[in-house]
Amino acid sequence: YHAIIKQSFLDFGITFDNYSRTSAPIHHETASEFFKTMYEHGDFIEE
């Protein structure tokens, strides 16, 4: 579906400067860093 969706956006002229995917390593790194930083700040409640 990533391939189908990306092609539909191209077909309809949606001019993203970047169309990524959340399975990409850079996203896993970024989301993990966010969680770890907030965890270390004490921004979460563990229940």
ModelCIF file with pLDDT and N, C-alpha, C, O atoms, coordinates in Angstrom:
data_MODEL
#
_entry.id   MODEL 
#
_entity.id                         1 
_entity.type                       polymer 
_entity.pdbx_number_of_molecules   1 
#
_entity_poly.entity_id                      1 
_entity_poly.type                           'polypeptide(L)' 
_entity_poly.nstd_linkage                   no 
_entity_poly.nstd_monomer                   no 
_entity_poly.pdbx_seq_one_letter_code       YHAIIKQSFLDFGITFDNYSRTSAPIHHETASEFFKTMYEHGDFIEE 
_entity_poly.pdbx_seq_one_letter_code_can   YHAIIKQSFLDFGITFDNYSRTSAPIHHETASEFFKTMYEHGDFIEE 
_entity_poly.pdbx_strand_id                 A 
#
loop_
_entity_poly_seq.entity_id 
_entity_poly_seq.num 
_entity_poly_seq.mon_id 
_entity_poly_seq.hetero 
1 1  TYR n 
1 2  HIS n 
1 3  ALA n 
1 4  ILE n 
1 5  ILE n 
1 6  LYS n 
1 7  GLN n 
1 8  SER n 
1 9  PHE n 
1 10 LEU n 
1 11 ASP n 
1 12 PHE n 
1 13 GLY n 
1 14 ILE n 
1 15 THR n 
1 16 PHE n 
1 17 ASP n 
1 18 ASN n 
1 19 TYR n 
1 20 SER n 
1 21 ARG n 
1 22 THR n 
1 23 SER n 
1 24 ALA n 
1 25 PRO n 
1 26 ILE n 
1 27 HIS n 
1 28 HIS n 
1 29 GLU n 
1 30 THR n 
1 31 ALA n 
1 32 SER n 
1 33 GLU n 
1 34 PHE n 
1 35 PHE n 
1 36 LYS n 
1 37 THR n 
1 38 MET n 
1 39 TYR n 
1 40 GLU n 
1 41 HIS n 
1 42 GLY n 
1 43 ASP n 
1 44 PHE n 
1 45 ILE n 
1 46 GLU n 
1 47 GLU n 
#
_struct_asym.id          A 
_struct_asym.entity_id   1 
#
loop_
_ma_qa_metric.id 
_ma_qa_metric.mode 
_ma_qa_metric.name 
_ma_qa_metric.software_group_id 
_ma_qa_metric.type 
1 global pLDDT . pLDDT 
2 local  pLDDT . pLDDT 
#
_ma_qa_metric_global.metric_id      1 
_ma_qa_metric_global.metric_value   96.66 
_ma_qa_metric_global.model_id       1 
_ma_qa_metric_global.ordinal_id     1 
#
loop_
_ma_qa_metric_local.label_asym_id 
_ma_qa_metric_local.label_comp_id 
_ma_qa_metric_local.label_seq_id 
_ma_qa_metric_local.metric_id 
_ma_qa_metric_local.metric_value 
_ma_qa_metric_local.model_id 
_ma_qa_metric_local.ordinal_id 
A TYR 1  2 93.00 1 1  
A HIS 2  2 96.00 1 2  
A ALA 3  2 96.00 1 3  
A ILE 4  2 95.00 1 4  
A ILE 5  2 96.00 1 5  
A LYS 6  2 96.00 1 6  
A GLN 7  2 96.00 1 7  
A SER 8  2 96.00 1 8  
A PHE 9  2 97.00 1 9  
A LEU 10 2 97.00 1 10 
A ASP 11 2 97.00 1 11 
A PHE 12 2 97.00 1 12 
A GLY 13 2 97.00 1 13 
A ILE 14 2 98.00 1 14 
A THR 15 2 98.00 1 15 
A PHE 16 2 98.00 1 16 
A ASP 17 2 98.00 1 17 
A ASN 18 2 98.00 1 18 
A TYR 19 2 98.00 1 19 
A SER 20 2 98.00 1 20 
A ARG 21 2 97.00 1 21 
A THR 22 2 96.00 1 22 
A SER 23 2 95.00 1 23 
A ALA 24 2 97.00 1 24 
A PRO 25 2 97.00 1 25 
A ILE 26 2 98.00 1 26 
A HIS 27 2 98.00 1 27 
A HIS 28 2 97.00 1 28 
A GLU 29 2 98.00 1 29 
A THR 30 2 98.00 1 30 
A ALA 31 2 97.00 1 31 
A SER 32 2 98.00 1 32 
A GLU 33 2 97.00 1 33 
A PHE 34 2 97.00 1 34 
A PHE 35 2 97.00 1 35 
A LYS 36 2 97.00 1 36 
A THR 37 2 97.00 1 37 
A MET 38 2 97.00 1 38 
A TYR 39 2 97.00 1 39 
A GLU 40 2 96.00 1 40 
A HIS 41 2 95.00 1 41 
A GLY 42 2 96.00 1 42 
A ASP 43 2 96.00 1 43 
A PHE 44 2 96.00 1 44 
A ILE 45 2 96.00 1 45 
A GLU 46 2 95.00 1 46 
A GLU 47 2 93.00 1 47 
#
loop_
_atom_site.group_PDB 
_atom_site.id 
_atom_site.type_symbol 
_atom_site.label_atom_id 
_atom_site.label_alt_id 
_atom_site.label_comp_id 
_atom_site.label_asym_id 
_atom_site.label_entity_id 
_atom_site.label_seq_id 
_atom_site.pdbx_PDB_ins_code 
_atom_site.Cartn_x 
_atom_site.Cartn_y 
_atom_site.Cartn_z 
_atom_site.occupancy 
_atom_site.B_iso_or_equiv 
_atom_site.pdbx_formal_charge 
_atom_site.auth_seq_id 
_atom_site.auth_comp_id 
_atom_site.auth_asym_id 
_atom_site.auth_atom_id 
_atom_site.pdbx_PDB_model_num 
ATOM 1   N N  . TYR A 1 1  ? 0.808  -1.220 0.000   1.00 93.00 ? 1  TYR A N  1 
ATOM 2   C CA . TYR A 1 1  ? 0.000  0.000  0.000   1.00 93.00 ? 1  TYR A CA 1 
ATOM 3   C C  . TYR A 1 1  ? 0.842  1.271  0.000   1.00 93.00 ? 1  TYR A C  1 
ATOM 4   O O  . TYR A 1 1  ? 0.388  2.308  -0.484  1.00 93.00 ? 1  TYR A O  1 
ATOM 5   N N  . HIS A 1 2  ? 2.056  1.209  0.532   1.00 96.00 ? 2  HIS A N  1 
ATOM 6   C CA . HIS A 1 2  ? 2.949  2.374  0.431   1.00 96.00 ? 2  HIS A CA 1 
ATOM 7   C C  . HIS A 1 2  ? 3.176  2.722  -1.042  1.00 96.00 ? 2  HIS A C  1 
ATOM 8   O O  . HIS A 1 2  ? 3.134  3.893  -1.421  1.00 96.00 ? 2  HIS A O  1 
ATOM 9   N N  . ALA A 1 3  ? 3.414  1.708  -1.864  1.00 96.00 ? 3  ALA A N  1 
ATOM 10  C CA . ALA A 1 3  ? 3.653  1.944  -3.295  1.00 96.00 ? 3  ALA A CA 1 
ATOM 11  C C  . ALA A 1 3  ? 2.407  2.506  -3.984  1.00 96.00 ? 3  ALA A C  1 
ATOM 12  O O  . ALA A 1 3  ? 2.507  3.423  -4.800  1.00 96.00 ? 3  ALA A O  1 
ATOM 13  N N  . ILE A 1 4  ? 1.233  1.956  -3.654  1.00 95.00 ? 4  ILE A N  1 
ATOM 14  C CA . ILE A 1 4  ? -0.026 2.419  -4.273  1.00 95.00 ? 4  ILE A CA 1 
ATOM 15  C C  . ILE A 1 4  ? -0.318 3.866  -3.870  1.00 95.00 ? 4  ILE A C  1 
ATOM 16  O O  . ILE A 1 4  ? -0.664 4.693  -4.713  1.00 95.00 ? 4  ILE A O  1 
ATOM 17  N N  . ILE A 1 5  ? -0.176 4.166  -2.574  1.00 96.00 ? 5  ILE A N  1 
ATOM 18  C CA . ILE A 1 5  ? -0.472 5.512  -2.060  1.00 96.00 ? 5  ILE A CA 1 
ATOM 19  C C  . ILE A 1 5  ? 0.486  6.544  -2.648  1.00 96.00 ? 5  ILE A C  1 
ATOM 20  O O  . ILE A 1 5  ? 0.072  7.615  -3.091  1.00 96.00 ? 5  ILE A O  1 
ATOM 21  N N  . LYS A 1 6  ? 1.778  6.202  -2.643  1.00 96.00 ? 6  LYS A N  1 
ATOM 22  C CA . LYS A 1 6  ? 2.788  7.132  -3.166  1.00 96.00 ? 6  LYS A CA 1 
ATOM 23  C C  . LYS A 1 6  ? 2.517  7.441  -4.640  1.00 96.00 ? 6  LYS A C  1 
ATOM 24  O O  . LYS A 1 6  ? 2.658  8.584  -5.074  1.00 96.00 ? 6  LYS A O  1 
ATOM 25  N N  . GLN A 1 7  ? 2.126  6.418  -5.407  1.00 96.00 ? 7  GLN A N  1 
ATOM 26  C CA . GLN A 1 7  ? 1.837  6.627  -6.822  1.00 96.00 ? 7  GLN A CA 1 
ATOM 27  C C  . GLN A 1 7  ? 0.600  7.496  -7.020  1.00 96.00 ? 7  GLN A C  1 
ATOM 28  O O  . GLN A 1 7  ? 0.564  8.331  -7.924  1.00 96.00 ? 7  GLN A O  1 
ATOM 29  N N  . SER A 1 8  ? -0.411 7.304  -6.179  1.00 96.00 ? 8  SER A N  1 
ATOM 30  C CA . SER A 1 8  ? -1.627 8.132  -6.272  1.00 96.00 ? 8  SER A CA 1 
ATOM 31  C C  . SER A 1 8  ? -1.301 9.602  -6.038  1.00 96.00 ? 8  SER A C  1 
ATOM 32  O O  . SER A 1 8  ? -1.820 10.473 -6.736  1.00 96.00 ? 8  SER A O  1 
ATOM 33  N N  . PHE A 1 9  ? -0.443 9.881  -5.060  1.00 97.00 ? 9  PHE A N  1 
ATOM 34  C CA . PHE A 1 9  ? -0.054 11.266 -4.801  1.00 97.00 ? 9  PHE A CA 1 
ATOM 35  C C  . PHE A 1 9  ? 0.705  11.856 -5.991  1.00 97.00 ? 9  PHE A C  1 
ATOM 36  O O  . PHE A 1 9  ? 0.492  13.013 -6.352  1.00 97.00 ? 9  PHE A O  1 
ATOM 37  N N  . LEU A 1 10 ? 1.583  11.065 -6.595  1.00 97.00 ? 10 LEU A N  1 
ATOM 38  C CA . LEU A 1 10 ? 2.296  11.529 -7.790  1.00 97.00 ? 10 LEU A CA 1 
ATOM 39  C C  . LEU A 1 10 ? 1.319  11.796 -8.929  1.00 97.00 ? 10 LEU A C  1 
ATOM 40  O O  . LEU A 1 10 ? 1.411  12.811 -9.619  1.00 97.00 ? 10 LEU A O  1 
ATOM 41  N N  . ASP A 1 11 ? 0.386  10.872 -9.111  1.00 97.00 ? 11 ASP A N  1 
ATOM 42  C CA . ASP A 1 11 ? -0.581 10.989 -10.216 1.00 97.00 ? 11 ASP A CA 1 
ATOM 43  C C  . ASP A 1 11 ? -1.439 12.243 -10.094 1.00 97.00 ? 11 ASP A C  1 
ATOM 44  O O  . ASP A 1 11 ? -1.817 12.835 -11.105 1.00 97.00 ? 11 ASP A O  1 
ATOM 45  N N  . PHE A 1 12 ? -1.749 12.653 -8.866  1.00 97.00 ? 12 PHE A N  1 
ATOM 46  C CA . PHE A 1 12 ? -2.625 13.812 -8.662  1.00 97.00 ? 12 PHE A CA 1 
ATOM 47  C C  . PHE A 1 12 ? -1.860 15.097 -8.372  1.00 97.00 ? 12 PHE A C  1 
ATOM 48  O O  . PHE A 1 12 ? -2.445 16.103 -7.970  1.00 97.00 ? 12 PHE A O  1 
ATOM 49  N N  . GLY A 1 13 ? -0.532 15.052 -8.581  1.00 97.00 ? 13 GLY A N  1 
ATOM 50  C CA . GLY A 1 13 ? 0.249  16.280 -8.505  1.00 97.00 ? 13 GLY A CA 1 
ATOM 51  C C  . GLY A 1 13 ? 0.412  16.832 -7.108  1.00 97.00 ? 13 GLY A C  1 
ATOM 52  O O  . GLY A 1 13 ? 0.545  18.044 -6.943  1.00 97.00 ? 13 GLY A O  1 
ATOM 53  N N  . ILE A 1 14 ? 0.405  15.965 -6.078  1.00 98.00 ? 14 ILE A N  1 
ATOM 54  C CA . ILE A 1 14 ? 0.635  16.434 -4.712  1.00 98.00 ? 14 ILE A CA 1 
ATOM 55  C C  . ILE A 1 14 ? 2.150  16.582 -4.537  1.00 98.00 ? 14 ILE A C  1 
ATOM 56  O O  . ILE A 1 14 ? 2.883  15.594 -4.554  1.00 98.00 ? 14 ILE A O  1 
ATOM 57  N N  . THR A 1 15 ? 2.606  17.818 -4.371  1.00 98.00 ? 15 THR A N  1 
ATOM 58  C CA . THR A 1 15 ? 4.041  18.138 -4.476  1.00 98.00 ? 15 THR A CA 1 
ATOM 59  C C  . THR A 1 15 ? 4.769  18.081 -3.138  1.00 98.00 ? 15 THR A C  1 
ATOM 60  O O  . THR A 1 15 ? 5.324  19.080 -2.681  1.00 98.00 ? 15 THR A O  1 
ATOM 61  N N  . PHE A 1 16 ? 4.762  16.894 -2.509  1.00 98.00 ? 16 PHE A N  1 
ATOM 62  C CA . PHE A 1 16 ? 5.540  16.751 -1.272  1.00 98.00 ? 16 PHE A CA 1 
ATOM 63  C C  . PHE A 1 16 ? 7.017  16.998 -1.574  1.00 98.00 ? 16 PHE A C  1 
ATOM 64  O O  . PHE A 1 16 ? 7.539  16.535 -2.588  1.00 98.00 ? 16 PHE A O  1 
ATOM 65  N N  . ASP A 1 17 ? 7.682  17.733 -0.682  1.00 98.00 ? 17 ASP A N  1 
ATOM 66  C CA . ASP A 1 17 ? 9.137  17.823 -0.773  1.00 98.00 ? 17 ASP A CA 1 
ATOM 67  C C  . ASP A 1 17 ? 9.765  16.510 -0.331  1.00 98.00 ? 17 ASP A C  1 
ATOM 68  O O  . ASP A 1 17 ? 10.852 16.139 -0.775  1.00 98.00 ? 17 ASP A O  1 
ATOM 69  N N  . ASN A 1 18 ? 9.050  15.807 0.562   1.00 98.00 ? 18 ASN A N  1 
ATOM 70  C CA . ASN A 1 18 ? 9.514  14.468 0.933   1.00 98.00 ? 18 ASN A CA 1 
ATOM 71  C C  . ASN A 1 18 ? 8.326  13.620 1.359   1.00 98.00 ? 18 ASN A C  1 
ATOM 72  O O  . ASN A 1 18 ? 7.490  14.048 2.155   1.00 98.00 ? 18 ASN A O  1 
ATOM 73  N N  . TYR A 1 19 ? 8.267  12.407 0.811   1.00 98.00 ? 19 TYR A N  1 
ATOM 74  C CA . TYR A 1 19 ? 7.251  11.426 1.232   1.00 98.00 ? 19 TYR A CA 1 
ATOM 75  C C  . TYR A 1 19 ? 8.002  10.217 1.779   1.00 98.00 ? 19 TYR A C  1 
ATOM 76  O O  . TYR A 1 19 ? 8.607  9.453  1.027   1.00 98.00 ? 19 TYR A O  1 
ATOM 77  N N  . SER A 1 20 ? 7.952  10.056 3.092   1.00 98.00 ? 20 SER A N  1 
ATOM 78  C CA . SER A 1 20 ? 8.733  9.030  3.764   1.00 98.00 ? 20 SER A CA 1 
ATOM 79  C C  . SER A 1 20 ? 7.840  7.879  4.207   1.00 98.00 ? 20 SER A C  1 
ATOM 80  O O  . SER A 1 20 ? 6.734  7.710  3.694   1.00 98.00 ? 20 SER A O  1 
ATOM 81  N N  . ARG A 1 21 ? 8.319  7.096  5.154   1.00 97.00 ? 21 ARG A N  1 
ATOM 82  C CA . ARG A 1 21 ? 7.521  6.009  5.735   1.00 97.00 ? 21 ARG A CA 1 
ATOM 83  C C  . ARG A 1 21 ? 8.026  5.749  7.155   1.00 97.00 ? 21 ARG A C  1 
ATOM 84  O O  . ARG A 1 21 ? 9.217  5.878  7.438   1.00 97.00 ? 21 ARG A O  1 
ATOM 85  N N  . THR A 1 22 ? 7.099  5.381  8.039   1.00 96.00 ? 22 THR A N  1 
ATOM 86  C CA . THR A 1 22 ? 7.487  5.243  9.446   1.00 96.00 ? 22 THR A CA 1 
ATOM 87  C C  . THR A 1 22 ? 8.236  3.940  9.725   1.00 96.00 ? 22 THR A C  1 
ATOM 88  O O  . THR A 1 22 ? 8.678  3.710  10.850  1.00 96.00 ? 22 THR A O  1 
ATOM 89  N N  . SER A 1 23 ? 8.383  3.080  8.700   1.00 95.00 ? 23 SER A N  1 
ATOM 90  C CA . SER A 1 23 ? 9.220  1.889  8.878   1.00 95.00 ? 23 SER A CA 1 
ATOM 91  C C  . SER A 1 23 ? 10.689 2.198  8.589   1.00 95.00 ? 23 SER A C  1 
ATOM 92  O O  . SER A 1 23 ? 11.552 1.344  8.789   1.00 95.00 ? 23 SER A O  1 
ATOM 93  N N  . ALA A 1 24 ? 10.979 3.425  8.115   1.00 97.00 ? 24 ALA A N  1 
ATOM 94  C CA . ALA A 1 24 ? 12.358 3.799  7.770   1.00 97.00 ? 24 ALA A CA 1 
ATOM 95  C C  . ALA A 1 24 ? 13.224 3.861  9.032   1.00 97.00 ? 24 ALA A C  1 
ATOM 96  O O  . ALA A 1 24 ? 12.750 4.281  10.088  1.00 97.00 ? 24 ALA A O  1 
ATOM 97  N N  . PRO A 1 25 ? 14.496 3.444  8.928   1.00 97.00 ? 25 PRO A N  1 
ATOM 98  C CA . PRO A 1 25 ? 15.394 3.491  10.103  1.00 97.00 ? 25 PRO A CA 1 
ATOM 99  C C  . PRO A 1 25 ? 15.463 4.868  10.745  1.00 97.00 ? 25 PRO A C  1 
ATOM 100 O O  . PRO A 1 25 ? 15.509 4.975  11.970  1.00 97.00 ? 25 PRO A O  1 
ATOM 101 N N  . ILE A 1 26 ? 15.470 5.939  9.923   1.00 98.00 ? 26 ILE A N  1 
ATOM 102 C CA . ILE A 1 26 ? 15.583 7.291  10.493  1.00 98.00 ? 26 ILE A CA 1 
ATOM 103 C C  . ILE A 1 26 ? 14.379 7.629  11.368  1.00 98.00 ? 26 ILE A C  1 
ATOM 104 O O  . ILE A 1 26 ? 14.491 8.395  12.326  1.00 98.00 ? 26 ILE A O  1 
ATOM 105 N N  . HIS A 1 27 ? 13.219 7.046  11.027  1.00 98.00 ? 27 HIS A N  1 
ATOM 106 C CA . HIS A 1 27 ? 12.035 7.300  11.855  1.00 98.00 ? 27 HIS A CA 1 
ATOM 107 C C  . HIS A 1 27 ? 12.118 6.514  13.158  1.00 98.00 ? 27 HIS A C  1 
ATOM 108 O O  . HIS A 1 27 ? 11.813 7.050  14.224  1.00 98.00 ? 27 HIS A O  1 
ATOM 109 N N  . HIS A 1 28 ? 12.529 5.245  13.084  1.00 97.00 ? 28 HIS A N  1 
ATOM 110 C CA . HIS A 1 28 ? 12.681 4.445  14.309  1.00 97.00 ? 28 HIS A CA 1 
ATOM 111 C C  . HIS A 1 28 ? 13.660 5.138  15.271  1.00 97.00 ? 28 HIS A C  1 
ATOM 112 O O  . HIS A 1 28 ? 13.429 5.190  16.479  1.00 97.00 ? 28 HIS A O  1 
ATOM 113 N N  . GLU A 1 29 ? 14.751 5.664  14.711  1.00 98.00 ? 29 GLU A N  1 
ATOM 114 C CA . GLU A 1 29 ? 15.746 6.353  15.540  1.00 98.00 ? 29 GLU A CA 1 
ATOM 115 C C  . GLU A 1 29 ? 15.151 7.608  16.180  1.00 98.00 ? 29 GLU A C  1 
ATOM 116 O O  . GLU A 1 29 ? 15.338 7.858  17.371  1.00 98.00 ? 29 GLU A O  1 
ATOM 117 N N  . THR A 1 30 ? 14.427 8.399  15.369  1.00 98.00 ? 30 THR A N  1 
ATOM 118 C CA . THR A 1 30 ? 13.873 9.672  15.857  1.00 98.00 ? 30 THR A CA 1 
ATOM 119 C C  . THR A 1 30 ? 12.814 9.442  16.929  1.00 98.00 ? 30 THR A C  1 
ATOM 120 O O  . THR A 1 30 ? 12.822 10.108 17.964  1.00 98.00 ? 30 THR A O  1 
ATOM 121 N N  . ALA A 1 31 ? 11.894 8.492  16.682  1.00 97.00 ? 31 ALA A N  1 
ATOM 122 C CA . ALA A 1 31 ? 10.818 8.218  17.645  1.00 97.00 ? 31 ALA A CA 1 
ATOM 123 C C  . ALA A 1 31 ? 11.394 7.624  18.937  1.00 97.00 ? 31 ALA A C  1 
ATOM 124 O O  . ALA A 1 31 ? 10.950 7.965  20.033  1.00 97.00 ? 31 ALA A O  1 
ATOM 125 N N  . SER A 1 32 ? 12.383 6.736  18.799  1.00 98.00 ? 32 SER A N  1 
ATOM 126 C CA . SER A 1 32 ? 13.008 6.137  19.988  1.00 98.00 ? 32 SER A CA 1 
ATOM 127 C C  . SER A 1 32 ? 13.721 7.203  20.821  1.00 98.00 ? 32 SER A C  1 
ATOM 128 O O  . SER A 1 32 ? 13.659 7.191  22.051  1.00 98.00 ? 32 SER A O  1 
ATOM 129 N N  . GLU A 1 33 ? 14.407 8.134  20.123  1.00 97.00 ? 33 GLU A N  1 
ATOM 130 C CA . GLU A 1 33 ? 15.109 9.211  20.824  1.00 97.00 ? 33 GLU A CA 1 
ATOM 131 C C  . GLU A 1 33 ? 14.117 10.083 21.590  1.00 97.00 ? 33 GLU A C  1 
ATOM 132 O O  . GLU A 1 33 ? 14.384 10.477 22.725  1.00 97.00 ? 33 GLU A O  1 
ATOM 133 N N  . PHE A 1 34 ? 12.973 10.385 20.973  1.00 97.00 ? 34 PHE A N  1 
ATOM 134 C CA . PHE A 1 34 ? 11.943 11.190 21.635  1.00 97.00 ? 34 PHE A CA 1 
ATOM 135 C C  . PHE A 1 34 ? 11.505 10.517 22.925  1.00 97.00 ? 34 PHE A C  1 
ATOM 136 O O  . PHE A 1 34 ? 11.434 11.147 23.980  1.00 97.00 ? 34 PHE A O  1 
ATOM 137 N N  . PHE A 1 35 ? 11.211 9.211  22.821  1.00 97.00 ? 35 PHE A N  1 
ATOM 138 C CA . PHE A 1 35 ? 10.706 8.490  23.986  1.00 97.00 ? 35 PHE A CA 1 
ATOM 139 C C  . PHE A 1 35 ? 11.761 8.454  25.099  1.00 97.00 ? 35 PHE A C  1 
ATOM 140 O O  . PHE A 1 35 ? 11.455 8.712  26.263  1.00 97.00 ? 35 PHE A O  1 
ATOM 141 N N  . LYS A 1 36 ? 13.022 8.127  24.723  1.00 97.00 ? 36 LYS A N  1 
ATOM 142 C CA . LYS A 1 36 ? 14.084 8.019  25.722  1.00 97.00 ? 36 LYS A CA 1 
ATOM 143 C C  . LYS A 1 36 ? 14.336 9.359  26.422  1.00 97.00 ? 36 LYS A C  1 
ATOM 144 O O  . LYS A 1 36 ? 14.518 9.411  27.638  1.00 97.00 ? 36 LYS A O  1 
ATOM 145 N N  . THR A 1 37 ? 14.344 10.451 25.625  1.00 97.00 ? 37 THR A N  1 
ATOM 146 C CA . THR A 1 37 ? 14.562 11.780 26.211  1.00 97.00 ? 37 THR A CA 1 
ATOM 147 C C  . THR A 1 37 ? 13.461 12.116 27.210  1.00 97.00 ? 37 THR A C  1 
ATOM 148 O O  . THR A 1 37 ? 13.743 12.589 28.311  1.00 97.00 ? 37 THR A O  1 
ATOM 149 N N  . MET A 1 38 ? 12.223 11.877 26.834  1.00 97.00 ? 38 MET A N  1 
ATOM 150 C CA . MET A 1 38 ? 11.103 12.179 27.726  1.00 97.00 ? 38 MET A CA 1 
ATOM 151 C C  . MET A 1 38 ? 11.122 11.260 28.953  1.00 97.00 ? 38 MET A C  1 
ATOM 152 O O  . MET A 1 38 ? 10.791 11.680 30.062  1.00 97.00 ? 38 MET A O  1 
ATOM 153 N N  . TYR A 1 39 ? 11.512 10.009 28.735  1.00 97.00 ? 39 TYR A N  1 
ATOM 154 C CA . TYR A 1 39 ? 11.613 9.033  29.841  1.00 97.00 ? 39 TYR A CA 1 
ATOM 155 C C  . TYR A 1 39 ? 12.650 9.507  30.864  1.00 97.00 ? 39 TYR A C  1 
ATOM 156 O O  . TYR A 1 39 ? 12.433 9.454  32.074  1.00 97.00 ? 39 TYR A O  1 
ATOM 157 N N  . GLU A 1 40 ? 13.792 9.976  30.328  1.00 96.00 ? 40 GLU A N  1 
ATOM 158 C CA . GLU A 1 40 ? 14.873 10.448 31.209  1.00 96.00 ? 40 GLU A CA 1 
ATOM 159 C C  . GLU A 1 40 ? 14.492 11.741 31.932  1.00 96.00 ? 40 GLU A C  1 
ATOM 160 O O  . GLU A 1 40 ? 14.962 11.997 33.041  1.00 96.00 ? 40 GLU A O  1 
ATOM 161 N N  . HIS A 1 41 ? 13.627 12.564 31.295  1.00 95.00 ? 41 HIS A N  1 
ATOM 162 C CA . HIS A 1 41 ? 13.148 13.805 31.934  1.00 95.00 ? 41 HIS A CA 1 
ATOM 163 C C  . HIS A 1 41 ? 12.096 13.526 33.005  1.00 95.00 ? 41 HIS A C  1 
ATOM 164 O O  . HIS A 1 41 ? 11.731 14.417 33.771  1.00 95.00 ? 41 HIS A O  1 
ATOM 165 N N  . GLY A 1 42 ? 11.616 12.300 33.052  1.00 96.00 ? 42 GLY A N  1 
ATOM 166 C CA . GLY A 1 42 ? 10.524 11.987 33.975  1.00 96.00 ? 42 GLY A CA 1 
ATOM 167 C C  . GLY A 1 42 ? 9.176  12.465 33.474  1.00 96.00 ? 42 GLY A C  1 
ATOM 168 O O  . GLY A 1 42 ? 8.287  12.776 34.266  1.00 96.00 ? 42 GLY A O  1 
ATOM 169 N N  . ASP A 1 43 ? 9.021  12.525 32.145  1.00 96.00 ? 43 ASP A N  1 
ATOM 170 C CA . ASP A 1 43 ? 7.777  13.044 31.558  1.00 96.00 ? 43 ASP A CA 1 
ATOM 171 C C  . ASP A 1 43 ? 6.667  12.000 31.467  1.00 96.00 ? 43 ASP A C  1 
ATOM 172 O O  . ASP A 1 43 ? 5.545  12.334 31.086  1.00 96.00 ? 43 ASP A O  1 
ATOM 173 N N  . PHE A 1 44 ? 6.953  10.746 31.806  1.00 96.00 ? 44 PHE A N  1 
ATOM 174 C CA . PHE A 1 44 ? 5.943  9.686  31.731  1.00 96.00 ? 44 PHE A CA 1 
ATOM 175 C C  . PHE A 1 44 ? 5.586  9.187  33.127  1.00 96.00 ? 44 PHE A C  1 
ATOM 176 O O  . PHE A 1 44 ? 6.360  9.328  34.074  1.00 96.00 ? 44 PHE A O  1 
ATOM 177 N N  . ILE A 1 45 ? 4.414  8.609  33.230  1.00 96.00 ? 45 ILE A N  1 
ATOM 178 C CA . ILE A 1 45 ? 3.997  7.890  34.437  1.00 96.00 ? 45 ILE A CA 1 
ATOM 179 C C  . ILE A 1 45 ? 4.000  6.408  34.060  1.00 96.00 ? 45 ILE A C  1 
ATOM 180 O O  . ILE A 1 45 ? 3.451  6.028  33.025  1.00 96.00 ? 45 ILE A O  1 
ATOM 181 N N  . GLU A 1 46 ? 4.610  5.584  34.886  1.00 95.00 ? 46 GLU A N  1 
ATOM 182 C CA . GLU A 1 46 ? 4.608  4.139  34.644  1.00 95.00 ? 46 GLU A CA 1 
ATOM 183 C C  . GLU A 1 46 ? 3.537  3.520  35.532  1.00 95.00 ? 46 GLU A C  1 
ATOM 184 O O  . GLU A 1 46 ? 3.571  3.657  36.755  1.00 95.00 ? 46 GLU A O  1 
ATOM 185 N N  . GLU A 1 47 ? 2.579  2.832  34.895  1.00 93.00 ? 47 GLU A N  1 
ATOM 186 C CA . GLU A 1 47 ? 1.464  2.280  35.670  1.00 93.00 ? 47 GLU A CA 1 
ATOM 187 C C  . GLU A 1 47 ? 1.132  0.867  35.219  1.00 93.00 ? 47 GLU A C  1 
ATOM 188 O O  . GLU A 1 47 ? 0.218  0.246  35.762  1.00 93.00 ? 47 GLU A O  1 
#
